[in-house]
Amino acid sequence: MPVDAFAVLAEPARRRILDELRVADRSVGELVTALTISQPTVSKHLKVLRDAGFVSSRSAAQQRIYHVEPAQFAALDEWLAPYRRLWTKHLDKLARHLDTMEQ
């Protein structure tokens, strides 16, 4: 069953985890410290993010180091592109309208 990326990203704790991982790869312990969230909660959210393809991990001694997988974000960006163009078009029209009102 395909994962709903927006449902995955709707959870604030997952977005906070991604914000931390955007800056640098982190272990679960580092995420727990940075986010002041319990280890089981961080692990649960990392599993959801990993299953959805937003993060992956590698082993380093006894730790798992997590990092962001850009491909999933690229797919989201591709899906959002037509909506971004739509809003840009409407905002450009609004800007032109406001410019004519100023004159």
C-alpha atoms as a PDB file:
ATOM      1  CA  MET A   1       0.000   0.000   0.000  1.00  0.00           C
ATOM      2  CA  PRO A   2       1.462   3.408  -0.963  1.00  0.00           C
ATOM      3  CA  VAL A   3       2.307   5.781   1.859  1.00  0.00           C
ATOM      4  CA  ASP A   4       0.573   9.162   2.037  1.00  0.00           C
ATOM      5  CA  ALA A   5       3.547  11.506   2.333  1.00  0.00           C
ATOM      6  CA  PHE A   6       1.371  14.322   3.617  1.00  0.00           C
ATOM      7  CA  ALA A   7       0.001  12.135   6.402  1.00  0.00           C
ATOM      8  CA  VAL A   8       3.559  11.223   7.381  1.00  0.00           C
ATOM      9  CA  LEU A   9       4.658  14.868   7.399  1.00  0.00           C
ATOM     10  CA  ALA A  10       1.540  16.073   9.221  1.00  0.00           C
ATOM     11  CA  GLU A  11       2.981  14.891  12.542  1.00  0.00           C
ATOM     12  CA  PRO A  12       4.894  17.799  14.171  1.00  0.00           C
ATOM     13  CA  ALA A  13       7.448  15.529  15.860  1.00  0.00           C
ATOM     14  CA  ARG A  14       8.376  14.017  12.496  1.00  0.00           C
ATOM     15  CA  ARG A  15       8.861  17.463  10.993  1.00  0.00           C
ATOM     16  CA  ARG A  16      11.100  18.392  13.946  1.00  0.00           C
ATOM     17  CA  ILE A  17      13.145  15.228  13.377  1.00  0.00           C
ATOM     18  CA  LEU A  18      13.510  16.095   9.690  1.00  0.00           C
ATOM     19  CA  ASP A  19      14.555  19.642  10.618  1.00  0.00           C
ATOM     20  CA  GLU A  20      17.347  18.206  12.785  1.00  0.00           C
ATOM     21  CA  LEU A  21      18.417  15.741  10.105  1.00  0.00           C
ATOM     22  CA  ARG A  22      18.422  18.482   7.476  1.00  0.00           C
ATOM     23  CA  VAL A  23      21.270  20.136   9.390  1.00  0.00           C
ATOM     24  CA  ALA A  24      23.312  16.963   9.968  1.00  0.00           C
ATOM     25  CA  ASP A  25      23.050  13.191  10.215  1.00  0.00           C
ATOM     26  CA  ARG A  26      22.129  12.170  13.760  1.00  0.00           C
ATOM     27  CA  SER A  27      21.844   9.108  15.958  1.00  0.00           C
ATOM     28  CA  VAL A  28      18.670   8.358  17.874  1.00  0.00           C
ATOM     29  CA  GLY A  29      20.368   9.519  21.074  1.00  0.00           C
ATOM     30  CA  GLU A  30      21.338  12.837  19.507  1.00  0.00           C
ATOM     31  CA  LEU A  31      17.763  13.342  18.314  1.00  0.00           C
ATOM     32  CA  VAL A  32      16.394  12.527  21.770  1.00  0.00           C
ATOM     33  CA  THR A  33      18.705  15.139  23.300  1.00  0.00           C
ATOM     34  CA  ALA A  34      18.040  17.792  20.675  1.00  0.00           C
ATOM     35  CA  LEU A  35      14.271  17.376  20.658  1.00  0.00           C
ATOM     36  CA  THR A  36      13.655  16.411  24.301  1.00  0.00           C
ATOM     37  CA  ILE A  37      11.406  13.569  23.169  1.00  0.00           C
ATOM     38  CA  SER A  38      11.623  10.079  24.644  1.00  0.00           C
ATOM     39  CA  GLN A  39      13.748   7.478  22.877  1.00  0.00           C
ATOM     40  CA  PRO A  40      10.796   5.161  22.128  1.00  0.00           C
ATOM     41  CA  THR A  41       8.878   8.066  20.590  1.00  0.00           C
ATOM     42  CA  VAL A  42      11.819   9.148  18.430  1.00  0.00           C
ATOM     43  CA  SER A  43      12.349   5.543  17.315  1.00  0.00           C
ATOM     44  CA  LYS A  44       8.655   5.175  16.447  1.00  0.00           C
ATOM     45  CA  HIS A  45       8.696   8.333  14.318  1.00  0.00           C
ATOM     46  CA  LEU A  46      11.964   7.355  12.640  1.00  0.00           C
ATOM     47  CA  LYS A  47      10.415   4.039  11.641  1.00  0.00           C
ATOM     48  CA  VAL A  48       7.480   5.831  10.014  1.00  0.00           C
ATOM     49  CA  LEU A  49       9.841   8.239   8.229  1.00  0.00           C
ATOM     50  CA  ARG A  50      12.068   5.361   7.117  1.00  0.00           C
ATOM     51  CA  ASP A  51       9.128   3.279   5.862  1.00  0.00           C
ATOM     52  CA  ALA A  52       7.901   6.315   3.901  1.00  0.00           C
ATOM     53  CA  GLY A  53      11.351   6.842   2.358  1.00  0.00           C
ATOM     54  CA  PHE A  54      12.066  10.212   3.974  1.00  0.00           C
ATOM     55  CA  VAL A  55      15.063   8.955   5.964  1.00  0.00           C
ATOM     56  CA  SER A  56      17.485   6.073   5.869  1.00  0.00           C
ATOM     57  CA  SER A  57      20.083   4.840   8.314  1.00  0.00           C
ATOM     58  CA  ARG A  58      23.514   3.319   8.440  1.00  0.00           C
ATOM     59  CA  SER A  59      25.228   1.458  11.238  1.00  0.00           C
ATOM     60  CA  ALA A  60      28.163   3.013  13.052  1.00  0.00           C
ATOM     61  CA  ALA A  61      29.402   0.754  15.847  1.00  0.00           C
ATOM     62  CA  GLN A  62      26.405   0.287  18.154  1.00  0.00           C
ATOM     63  CA  GLN A  63      24.432   3.214  16.734  1.00  0.00           C
ATOM     64  CA  ARG A  64      22.179   3.816  13.802  1.00  0.00           C
ATOM     65  CA  ILE A  65      22.872   7.132  12.117  1.00  0.00           C
ATOM     66  CA  TYR A  66      19.901   8.637  10.288  1.00  0.00           C
ATOM     67  CA  HIS A  67      19.933  11.019   7.359  1.00  0.00           C
ATOM     68  CA  VAL A  68      17.388  12.625   5.044  1.00  0.00           C
ATOM     69  CA  GLU A  69      16.670  11.003   1.693  1.00  0.00           C
ATOM     70  CA  PRO A  70      16.163  13.831  -0.814  1.00  0.00           C
ATOM     71  CA  ALA A  71      14.404  11.689  -3.437  1.00  0.00           C
ATOM     72  CA  GLN A  72      11.145  11.568  -1.490  1.00  0.00           C
ATOM     73  CA  PHE A  73      11.176  15.361  -1.141  1.00  0.00           C
ATOM     74  CA  ALA A  74      11.881  15.713  -4.860  1.00  0.00           C
ATOM     75  CA  ALA A  75       8.784  13.620  -5.574  1.00  0.00           C
ATOM     76  CA  LEU A  76       6.723  15.883  -3.305  1.00  0.00           C
ATOM     77  CA  ASP A  77       8.163  18.959  -4.976  1.00  0.00           C
ATOM     78  CA  GLU A  78       7.271  17.540  -8.390  1.00  0.00           C
ATOM     79  CA  TRP A  79       3.693  16.913  -7.250  1.00  0.00           C
ATOM     80  CA  LEU A  80       3.429  20.442  -5.809  1.00  0.00           C
ATOM     81  CA  ALA A  81       4.889  22.177  -8.890  1.00  0.00           C
ATOM     82  CA  PRO A  82       1.573  22.723 -10.742  1.00  0.00           C
ATOM     83  CA  TYR A  83       0.003  24.159  -7.598  1.00  0.00           C
ATOM     84  CA  ARG A  84       2.988  26.449  -7.092  1.00  0.00           C
ATOM     85  CA  ARG A  85       2.616  27.695 -10.690  1.00  0.00           C
ATOM     86  CA  LEU A  86      -1.113  28.245 -10.129  1.00  0.00           C
ATOM     87  CA  TRP A  87      -0.522  30.324  -7.006  1.00  0.00           C
ATOM     88  CA  THR A  88       2.319  32.243  -8.629  1.00  0.00           C
ATOM     89  CA  LYS A  89       0.032  33.117 -11.542  1.00  0.00           C
ATOM     90  CA  HIS A  90      -2.707  34.326  -9.177  1.00  0.00           C
ATOM     91  CA  LEU A  91      -0.280  36.263  -7.003  1.00  0.00           C
ATOM     92  CA  ASP A  92       1.179  37.928 -10.097  1.00  0.00           C
ATOM     93  CA  LYS A  93      -2.328  38.981 -11.110  1.00  0.00           C
ATOM     94  CA  LEU A  94      -2.950  40.332  -7.619  1.00  0.00           C
ATOM     95  CA  ALA A  95       0.316  42.289  -7.723  1.00  0.00           C
ATOM     96  CA  ARG A  96      -0.625  43.820 -11.090  1.00  0.00           C
ATOM     97  CA  HIS A  97      -4.077  44.704  -9.753  1.00  0.00           C
ATOM     98  CA  LEU A  98      -2.590  46.348  -6.651  1.00  0.00           C
ATOM     99  CA  ASP A  99      -0.120  48.254  -8.831  1.00  0.00           C
ATOM    100  CA  THR A 100      -2.969  49.674 -10.903  1.00  0.00           C
ATOM    101  CA  MET A 101      -4.841  50.678  -7.733  1.00  0.00           C
ATOM    102  CA  GLU A 102      -1.799  52.635  -6.510  1.00  0.00           C
ATOM    103  CA  GLN A 103      -1.698  54.660  -9.731  1.00  0.00           C
END
